[in-house]
Amino acid sequence: MDRKAAEIGALENENETQQDKDQEEQVVNPWEVSAKEGGKIDYDKLIDKFGCQRLDPSLIDRVERLTSRRAHIFLRRGVFFAHRDFNDILDAFERGEKFYLYTGRGPSSEALHLGHLIPFMFTQYLQEVFKVPLVIQLTDDEKFLWKNLTVEECRRLARENAKDIIACGFDIRRTFIFSDFDYVGGAFYRNMVEISKRVTCNQVVGIFGFIGEDHIGKYSFPPVQAAPSFPSSFPHLFSGKDNLRCLIPCAIDQDPYFRMTRDVAPRIGYHKPALIESLFFPALQGETGKMSASDPNSAIYVTDSEKDIKNKINKYAFSGGQDSIEKHRQLGANLEVDIPIKYLSFFLEDDAELEHTKKEYGAGRMLTGEVKQRLIEVLTKLVERHRRARAAVTDEMVDAFMAVRPLPNMFN
């Protein structure tokens, strides 16, 4: 099956009922990620169901060639593992055509955990190596619709989260951050209405699993997240550039929004947005999907102290090591389930050290305590670096990033 047929098939199969979904082996959508009986997410099945493609090594090699930079570890190690039309973005870039990046954050909590940082760390790399503009959507309206939060609280959390995002190192000359409550209107709203007119209620129910008891705010939200995929939603940035392509780095649970968007795009005269999608950052207790904001011990937060990090890793990080030293020396660790190894695969920069650690730990020559101690060092350094960067972000800097303004040097 070719790419277009796979994508059309995925869209046509969105007519399953909620009862059908309850019987599925795994559920992955923007609001729920769960595997059958608490197991692991099967990403191969997810790719087949969604109709996207695996990111193959030739595309990663091509990124390195086009940017003259070594690929980010999230690319090299398969953290970003799937895509839609990423090859088209690279084709256009090679022809000298520009594109823009679009990513976002739903601000429902005061502090971000490491899983939240992953798309922003990767997007910052893409902005730096391709030298392209970026729009970052803060969906404070979505969180008001889905969470028990006031409008005022959602708006406050959006600004607080913006400070963490800015701390990831984005270039203010190429970056526009916006809150839906503050920005939506004008050309953006016109695109929302164009999208809304071309998506039926049956499609929305099939794609997102909404039910009759859901309020209409949920049904009306998907076009809000779709609209930034089209350059005319930002006339202060892209006036006269309606042919500009969009690349969206995100976790794969956001794919349903953009399946809908890609179906609509050619019908209203735009390129389909391209996507590059990541797998989920596992909880400390095991690789069962996304971390739970309701359980602070399931994740490392950017506000955690060195003591917090050490305690969480030692106490809660699920180990693939054996239950006795003798047995561990004999059998070695099960790296497939070991969370410290998985976390090191995300954040330990040194490829040689990572491979050495996996080899020694898997053979039983390195103990769980040694691996956890190395992870504590890596994460403590990462969190402290982020904390220092965030402390330097002032309210005036947030205002500057969120100001509706032209970016005259965004492609230079």
Protein backbone atom coordinates (compact mmCIF):
# COMPACT_ATOMS: atom_id res chain seq x y z
CA MET A 1 0.00 0.00 0.00
CA ASP A 2 1.44 3.39 -0.97
CA ARG A 3 1.56 6.39 1.37
CA LYS A 4 -1.51 8.14 -0.04
CA ALA A 5 -3.63 4.99 0.07
CA ALA A 6 -2.53 4.28 3.65
CA GLU A 7 -3.45 7.78 4.73
CA ILE A 8 -6.85 7.70 3.01
CA GLY A 9 -7.51 4.31 4.56
CA ALA A 10 -6.67 5.62 8.02
CA LEU A 11 -9.04 8.55 7.53
CA GLU A 12 -11.86 6.36 6.22
CA ASN A 13 -11.47 3.99 9.15
CA GLU A 14 -12.26 6.75 11.63
CA ASN A 15 -15.93 5.69 11.78
CA GLU A 16 -15.46 3.16 14.57
CA THR A 17 -17.70 3.59 17.62
CA GLN A 18 -16.56 4.30 21.16
CA GLN A 19 -17.45 0.71 22.05
CA ASP A 20 -15.08 -0.50 19.34
CA LYS A 21 -12.34 1.69 20.80
CA ASP A 22 -12.86 0.27 24.27
CA GLN A 23 -12.16 -3.18 22.83
CA GLU A 24 -8.95 -2.16 21.07
CA GLU A 25 -5.61 -3.40 22.31
CA GLN A 26 -4.36 0.15 22.72
CA VAL A 27 -5.81 3.64 22.72
CA VAL A 28 -3.71 6.60 21.53
CA ASN A 29 -5.29 10.02 21.12
CA PRO A 30 -4.50 13.54 22.38
CA TRP A 31 -6.19 12.86 25.73
CA GLU A 32 -5.54 9.18 26.42
CA VAL A 33 -2.63 6.82 25.90
CA SER A 34 -3.05 3.26 27.14
CA ALA A 35 -1.88 -0.17 26.06
CA LYS A 36 -3.75 -3.44 26.53
CA GLU A 37 -3.65 -4.62 30.16
CA GLY A 38 -0.95 -2.10 31.06
CA GLY A 39 1.49 -3.35 28.41
CA LYS A 40 3.77 -1.41 26.08
CA ILE A 41 2.57 0.73 23.20
CA ASP A 42 3.00 -1.14 19.91
CA TYR A 43 4.36 1.58 17.63
CA ASP A 44 4.30 -0.63 14.52
CA LYS A 45 0.56 -1.13 14.95
CA LEU A 46 0.16 2.59 15.58
CA ILE A 47 1.93 3.43 12.31
CA ASP A 48 -0.33 1.00 10.43
CA LYS A 49 -3.47 2.40 12.05
CA PHE A 50 -2.58 6.07 11.56
CA GLY A 51 -1.18 5.62 8.05
CA CYS A 52 2.11 7.42 8.69
CA GLN A 53 5.60 6.15 7.81
CA ARG A 54 8.67 5.06 9.72
CA LEU A 55 11.58 7.48 9.64
CA ASP A 56 14.27 5.51 7.82
CA PRO A 57 18.05 6.02 8.10
CA SER A 58 18.29 7.52 4.61
CA LEU A 59 16.19 10.51 5.71
CA ILE A 60 18.41 11.03 8.76
CA ASP A 61 21.51 10.89 6.56
CA ARG A 62 19.89 13.43 4.29
CA VAL A 63 19.22 15.81 7.20
CA GLU A 64 22.91 15.64 8.10
CA ARG A 65 23.95 16.32 4.51
CA LEU A 66 21.58 19.28 4.07
CA THR A 67 22.43 20.91 7.41
CA SER A 68 26.14 20.03 7.60
CA ARG A 69 25.47 19.02 11.22
CA ARG A 70 25.31 15.69 12.97
CA ALA A 71 21.70 14.64 13.50
CA HIS A 72 20.16 15.24 16.91
CA ILE A 73 20.29 12.25 19.26
CA PHE A 74 16.48 12.12 19.13
CA LEU A 75 16.82 11.35 15.42
CA ARG A 76 19.79 9.03 15.69
CA ARG A 77 18.23 6.98 18.47
CA GLY A 78 14.71 6.72 17.09
CA VAL A 79 12.94 9.00 19.58
CA PHE A 80 11.42 10.75 16.57
CA PHE A 81 10.53 7.65 14.62
CA ALA A 82 7.61 8.39 12.28
CA HIS A 83 6.68 11.06 9.77
CA ARG A 84 4.28 12.34 7.16
CA ASP A 85 5.88 13.94 4.07
CA PHE A 86 9.13 14.86 5.83
CA ASN A 87 10.85 13.85 2.61
CA ASP A 88 8.81 16.52 0.78
CA ILE A 89 10.07 19.15 3.22
CA LEU A 90 13.67 18.07 2.54
CA ASP A 91 13.03 18.05 -1.24
CA ALA A 92 11.71 21.62 -1.07
CA PHE A 93 14.58 22.76 1.17
CA GLU A 94 17.10 21.26 -1.25
CA ARG A 95 15.47 23.28 -4.06
CA GLY A 96 16.03 26.43 -2.02
CA GLU A 97 12.45 26.73 -0.76
CA LYS A 98 11.84 27.68 2.85
CA PHE A 99 9.37 26.25 5.37
CA TYR A 100 8.20 27.08 8.87
CA LEU A 101 7.90 25.03 12.04
CA TYR A 102 4.80 24.72 14.18
CA THR A 103 4.53 23.05 17.57
CA GLY A 104 2.61 23.68 20.77
CA ARG A 105 1.78 23.03 24.37
CA GLY A 106 -1.44 22.62 26.33
CA PRO A 107 -0.76 24.54 29.56
CA SER A 108 -2.50 22.57 32.30
CA SER A 109 0.23 22.43 34.95
CA GLU A 110 2.68 24.79 36.64
CA ALA A 111 5.80 22.78 35.86
CA LEU A 112 6.85 20.72 32.87
CA HIS A 113 8.29 17.23 33.17
CA LEU A 114 11.08 15.87 30.97
CA GLY A 115 8.58 14.33 28.55
CA HIS A 116 7.14 17.78 27.89
CA LEU A 117 10.60 19.14 27.04
CA ILE A 118 11.36 16.58 24.32
CA PRO A 119 9.41 18.18 21.43
CA PHE A 120 10.76 21.63 22.34
CA MET A 121 14.38 20.44 22.58
CA PHE A 122 14.02 18.82 19.16
CA THR A 123 12.20 21.80 17.62
CA GLN A 124 14.94 24.13 18.86
CA TYR A 125 17.47 21.93 17.04
CA LEU A 126 15.39 22.03 13.83
CA GLN A 127 15.09 25.82 14.02
CA GLU A 128 18.84 26.17 14.55
CA VAL A 129 20.04 23.86 11.78
CA PHE A 130 17.48 24.81 9.11
CA LYS A 131 17.36 28.52 10.11
CA VAL A 132 13.59 28.78 9.77
CA PRO A 133 10.78 30.56 11.65
CA LEU A 134 8.66 28.87 14.29
CA VAL A 135 5.17 29.40 15.68
CA ILE A 136 4.34 27.91 19.09
CA GLN A 137 0.68 27.60 20.02
CA LEU A 138 -0.33 27.64 23.68
CA THR A 139 -3.76 26.01 23.73
CA ASP A 140 -5.06 27.61 26.90
CA ASP A 141 -8.58 27.39 25.44
CA GLU A 142 -8.26 23.62 25.05
CA LYS A 143 -7.29 23.20 28.70
CA PHE A 144 -10.26 25.31 29.78
CA LEU A 145 -12.53 23.02 27.73
CA TRP A 146 -11.04 19.74 29.00
CA LYS A 147 -9.87 20.52 32.54
CA ASN A 148 -11.48 21.90 35.65
CA LEU A 149 -9.67 25.24 35.33
CA THR A 150 -10.85 28.82 35.00
CA VAL A 151 -10.05 30.95 31.97
CA GLU A 152 -7.82 33.13 34.14
CA GLU A 153 -5.87 30.15 35.45
CA CYS A 154 -5.38 28.74 31.95
CA ARG A 155 -4.05 32.10 30.74
CA ARG A 156 -1.67 32.34 33.71
CA LEU A 157 -0.37 28.80 33.14
CA ALA A 158 0.21 29.63 29.47
CA ARG A 159 2.61 32.43 30.41
CA GLU A 160 4.35 30.26 33.01
CA ASN A 161 4.81 27.45 30.50
CA ALA A 162 6.06 29.98 27.94
CA LYS A 163 9.00 30.68 30.26
CA ASP A 164 9.98 26.99 30.22
CA ILE A 165 9.64 26.93 26.43
CA ILE A 166 11.76 30.06 25.95
CA ALA A 167 14.39 28.50 28.26
CA CYS A 168 14.92 25.77 25.65
CA GLY A 169 16.91 28.28 23.62
CA PHE A 170 14.63 29.49 20.82
CA ASP A 171 15.76 32.39 18.66
CA ILE A 172 13.51 35.40 19.29
CA ARG A 173 14.27 36.68 15.76
CA ARG A 174 12.57 33.58 14.35
CA THR A 175 9.96 32.67 17.00
CA PHE A 176 6.38 33.74 17.64
CA ILE A 177 4.64 32.27 20.70
CA PHE A 178 0.91 32.85 20.98
CA SER A 179 -1.94 32.08 23.35
CA ASP A 180 -5.21 31.08 21.69
CA PHE A 181 -7.22 33.25 24.08
CA ASP A 182 -5.17 36.28 23.04
CA TYR A 183 -4.41 35.69 19.35
CA VAL A 184 -7.32 33.84 17.72
CA GLY A 185 -9.29 36.14 15.40
CA GLY A 186 -8.92 37.77 12.01
CA ALA A 187 -7.16 35.61 9.40
CA PHE A 188 -6.63 32.82 11.93
CA TYR A 189 -10.37 32.63 12.62
CA ARG A 190 -11.18 32.73 8.91
CA ASN A 191 -9.04 29.62 8.42
CA MET A 192 -10.77 27.95 11.37
CA VAL A 193 -14.13 28.51 9.69
CA GLU A 194 -12.82 27.23 6.33
CA ILE A 195 -11.64 24.05 8.09
CA SER A 196 -14.85 23.66 10.13
CA LYS A 197 -17.04 23.79 7.02
CA ARG A 198 -15.15 20.83 5.50
CA VAL A 199 -15.19 18.42 8.47
CA THR A 200 -18.42 16.63 9.39
CA CYS A 201 -19.55 15.74 12.90
CA ASN A 202 -19.28 12.07 11.95
CA GLN A 203 -15.63 12.57 11.00
CA VAL A 204 -14.86 14.38 14.26
CA VAL A 205 -16.55 11.64 16.29
CA GLY A 206 -14.61 8.99 14.37
CA ILE A 207 -11.25 10.73 14.68
CA PHE A 208 -11.46 11.94 18.27
CA GLY A 209 -14.01 9.63 19.90
CA PHE A 210 -16.34 12.38 21.12
CA ILE A 211 -19.72 11.25 22.44
CA GLY A 212 -23.14 12.83 22.66
CA GLU A 213 -22.61 13.92 26.25
CA ASP A 214 -19.51 15.97 25.36
CA HIS A 215 -20.09 19.72 25.23
CA ILE A 216 -19.85 21.43 21.86
CA GLY A 217 -16.62 23.17 22.84
CA LYS A 218 -14.78 19.88 22.31
CA TYR A 219 -16.28 19.45 18.83
CA SER A 220 -15.28 23.00 17.89
CA PHE A 221 -11.67 22.84 19.11
CA PRO A 222 -9.87 20.72 16.43
CA PRO A 223 -9.92 23.53 13.82
CA VAL A 224 -8.12 25.76 16.37
CA GLN A 225 -5.17 23.35 16.45
CA ALA A 226 -5.34 22.82 12.70
CA ALA A 227 -5.24 26.50 11.66
CA PRO A 228 -1.54 27.18 12.50
CA SER A 229 -0.66 24.62 9.79
CA PHE A 230 -1.56 27.26 7.19
CA PRO A 231 0.73 30.29 6.74
CA SER A 232 -2.13 32.74 6.14
CA SER A 233 -3.09 32.31 9.81
CA PHE A 234 -0.10 34.57 10.54
CA PRO A 235 -0.38 37.57 8.18
CA HIS A 236 2.14 39.55 10.26
CA LEU A 237 4.72 36.85 9.45
CA PHE A 238 3.81 35.23 6.15
CA SER A 239 1.81 37.74 4.14
CA GLY A 240 1.94 36.75 0.46
CA LYS A 241 3.58 33.41 1.31
CA ASP A 242 0.53 31.11 1.10
CA ASN A 243 2.66 28.46 -0.64
CA LEU A 244 5.00 28.13 2.38
CA ARG A 245 5.21 24.59 3.73
CA CYS A 246 4.76 23.70 7.40
CA LEU A 247 6.61 21.04 9.43
CA ILE A 248 5.12 19.96 12.76
CA PRO A 249 7.32 18.18 15.34
CA CYS A 250 5.06 16.50 17.93
CA ALA A 251 4.37 13.33 19.87
CA ILE A 252 2.41 10.75 17.90
CA ASP A 253 -0.70 11.17 20.09
CA GLN A 254 -1.28 14.50 18.30
CA ASP A 255 -1.52 12.76 14.91
CA PRO A 256 -5.36 12.68 14.82
CA TYR A 257 -5.52 16.49 14.65
CA PHE A 258 -3.28 16.56 11.64
CA ARG A 259 -4.88 13.65 9.81
CA MET A 260 -7.95 15.87 9.80
CA THR A 261 -5.89 18.92 8.79
CA ARG A 262 -4.15 17.11 5.94
CA ASP A 263 -7.49 15.96 4.54
CA VAL A 264 -8.75 19.56 4.46
CA ALA A 265 -5.55 21.34 3.29
CA PRO A 266 -5.70 20.74 -0.48
CA ARG A 267 -9.42 21.60 -0.51
CA ILE A 268 -8.69 25.11 0.74
CA GLY A 269 -5.57 25.65 -1.37
CA TYR A 270 -2.65 24.80 0.94
CA HIS A 271 0.11 22.20 1.16
CA LYS A 272 -0.59 19.38 3.56
CA PRO A 273 1.42 20.01 6.72
CA ALA A 274 4.32 17.58 7.17
CA LEU A 275 4.86 15.88 10.53
CA ILE A 276 7.78 14.34 12.36
CA GLU A 277 6.53 12.36 15.33
CA SER A 278 8.06 11.05 18.56
CA LEU A 279 7.34 8.07 20.70
CA PHE A 280 6.29 8.58 24.33
CA PHE A 281 8.71 9.27 27.14
CA PRO A 282 8.07 6.44 29.63
CA ALA A 283 6.99 6.84 33.23
CA LEU A 284 9.52 5.97 35.91
CA GLN A 285 7.46 2.92 36.87
CA GLY A 286 7.62 1.41 33.39
CA GLU A 287 6.97 1.80 29.69
CA THR A 288 3.17 1.81 29.70
CA GLY A 289 2.45 5.03 27.79
CA LYS A 290 2.58 8.66 28.84
CA MET A 291 3.36 9.84 32.35
CA SER A 292 0.52 10.85 34.65
CA ALA A 293 0.38 14.44 35.86
CA SER A 294 -1.66 13.17 38.82
CA ASP A 295 1.31 11.11 40.08
CA PRO A 296 4.36 13.34 40.74
CA ASN A 297 6.49 10.25 41.32
CA SER A 298 5.89 9.02 37.77
CA ALA A 299 8.13 11.70 36.25
CA ILE A 300 11.12 13.97 36.71
CA TYR A 301 10.01 17.62 36.68
CA VAL A 302 12.12 20.61 35.71
CA THR A 303 11.43 21.98 39.22
CA ASP A 304 12.81 18.87 40.98
CA SER A 305 15.83 19.36 43.22
CA GLU A 306 18.93 17.18 43.06
CA LYS A 307 17.61 15.34 46.11
CA ASP A 308 14.21 14.81 44.45
CA ILE A 309 15.84 13.41 41.32
CA LYS A 310 18.06 11.06 43.29
CA ASN A 311 15.13 9.80 45.37
CA LYS A 312 12.83 9.29 42.40
CA ILE A 313 15.42 7.42 40.34
CA ASN A 314 16.55 5.17 43.19
CA LYS A 315 13.06 4.49 44.54
CA TYR A 316 10.76 4.47 41.50
CA ALA A 317 12.77 3.89 38.29
CA PHE A 318 11.86 0.38 37.16
CA SER A 319 14.93 -1.80 36.83
CA GLY A 320 15.61 -4.65 34.44
CA GLY A 321 18.35 -5.92 36.73
CA GLN A 322 18.08 -9.21 38.59
CA ASP A 323 16.94 -9.52 42.22
CA SER A 324 20.35 -10.60 43.52
CA ILE A 325 23.92 -9.68 42.62
CA GLU A 326 24.81 -13.31 41.96
CA LYS A 327 21.88 -13.77 39.60
CA HIS A 328 22.58 -10.42 37.94
CA ARG A 329 26.24 -11.34 37.33
CA GLN A 330 25.04 -14.56 35.75
CA LEU A 331 22.08 -13.35 33.64
CA GLY A 332 22.62 -9.62 33.22
CA ALA A 333 19.91 -6.97 32.94
CA ASN A 334 16.86 -7.00 30.71
CA LEU A 335 17.47 -3.77 28.79
CA GLU A 336 14.06 -3.93 27.09
CA VAL A 337 12.26 -3.03 30.31
CA ASP A 338 14.95 -1.08 32.17
CA ILE A 339 13.86 2.55 32.63
CA PRO A 340 17.30 3.99 33.60
CA ILE A 341 18.70 2.69 30.29
CA LYS A 342 15.74 4.12 28.39
CA TYR A 343 16.19 7.53 30.04
CA LEU A 344 19.91 7.48 29.27
CA SER A 345 19.02 6.71 25.65
CA PHE A 346 17.10 10.00 25.58
CA PHE A 347 19.56 12.24 27.38
CA LEU A 348 23.10 10.82 27.48
CA GLU A 349 24.87 12.64 24.64
CA ASP A 350 27.88 10.31 24.34
CA ASP A 351 27.01 7.45 21.96
CA ALA A 352 30.08 5.43 22.92
CA GLU A 353 29.33 5.68 26.65
CA LEU A 354 25.71 4.67 26.10
CA GLU A 355 26.69 1.59 24.08
CA HIS A 356 29.34 0.65 26.65
CA THR A 357 26.82 0.98 29.49
CA LYS A 358 24.23 -1.15 27.68
CA LYS A 359 26.81 -3.82 26.87
CA GLU A 360 28.23 -4.01 30.41
CA TYR A 361 24.84 -3.82 32.14
CA GLY A 362 23.27 -6.34 29.78
CA ALA A 363 26.15 -8.75 30.47
CA GLY A 364 25.88 -8.33 34.25
CA ARG A 365 29.25 -6.66 34.66
CA MET A 366 27.59 -3.37 35.65
CA LEU A 367 25.01 -3.22 38.46
CA THR A 368 21.68 -1.38 38.61
CA GLY A 369 23.00 1.04 41.22
CA GLU A 370 25.83 2.13 38.93
CA VAL A 371 23.47 2.77 36.02
CA LYS A 372 21.04 4.70 38.23
CA GLN A 373 23.88 6.80 39.61
CA ARG A 374 24.96 7.78 36.09
CA LEU A 375 21.37 8.66 35.21
CA ILE A 376 21.07 10.82 38.33
CA GLU A 377 24.17 12.74 37.24
CA VAL A 378 22.87 13.26 33.69
CA LEU A 379 19.38 14.37 34.73
CA THR A 380 20.61 16.60 37.56
CA LYS A 381 22.83 18.45 35.10
CA LEU A 382 20.00 18.73 32.55
CA VAL A 383 17.43 20.00 35.08
CA GLU A 384 19.86 22.46 36.67
CA ARG A 385 20.80 23.86 33.25
CA HIS A 386 17.12 24.32 32.43
CA ARG A 387 16.40 25.88 35.83
CA ARG A 388 19.15 28.47 35.31
CA ALA A 389 17.88 29.28 31.81
CA ARG A 390 14.30 29.63 33.02
CA ALA A 391 15.31 31.90 35.90
CA ALA A 392 16.76 34.28 33.32
CA VAL A 393 13.44 34.54 31.44
CA THR A 394 11.64 37.71 32.53
CA ASP A 395 8.01 38.76 31.98
CA GLU A 396 9.33 41.30 29.49
CA MET A 397 10.96 38.48 27.49
CA VAL A 398 7.68 36.58 27.44
CA ASP A 399 5.94 39.73 26.18
CA ALA A 400 8.59 40.08 23.47
CA PHE A 401 8.21 36.49 22.22
CA MET A 402 4.40 36.81 22.26
CA ALA A 403 4.22 40.24 20.61
CA VAL A 404 2.38 40.19 17.27
CA ARG A 405 5.19 41.54 15.09
CA PRO A 406 6.95 40.90 11.79
CA LEU A 407 10.16 38.86 11.91
CA PRO A 408 12.21 40.47 9.13
CA ASN A 409 15.25 38.22 9.63
CA MET A 410 13.40 34.94 10.10
CA PHE A 411 14.91 33.33 6.98
CA ASN A 412 18.38 34.93 7.19
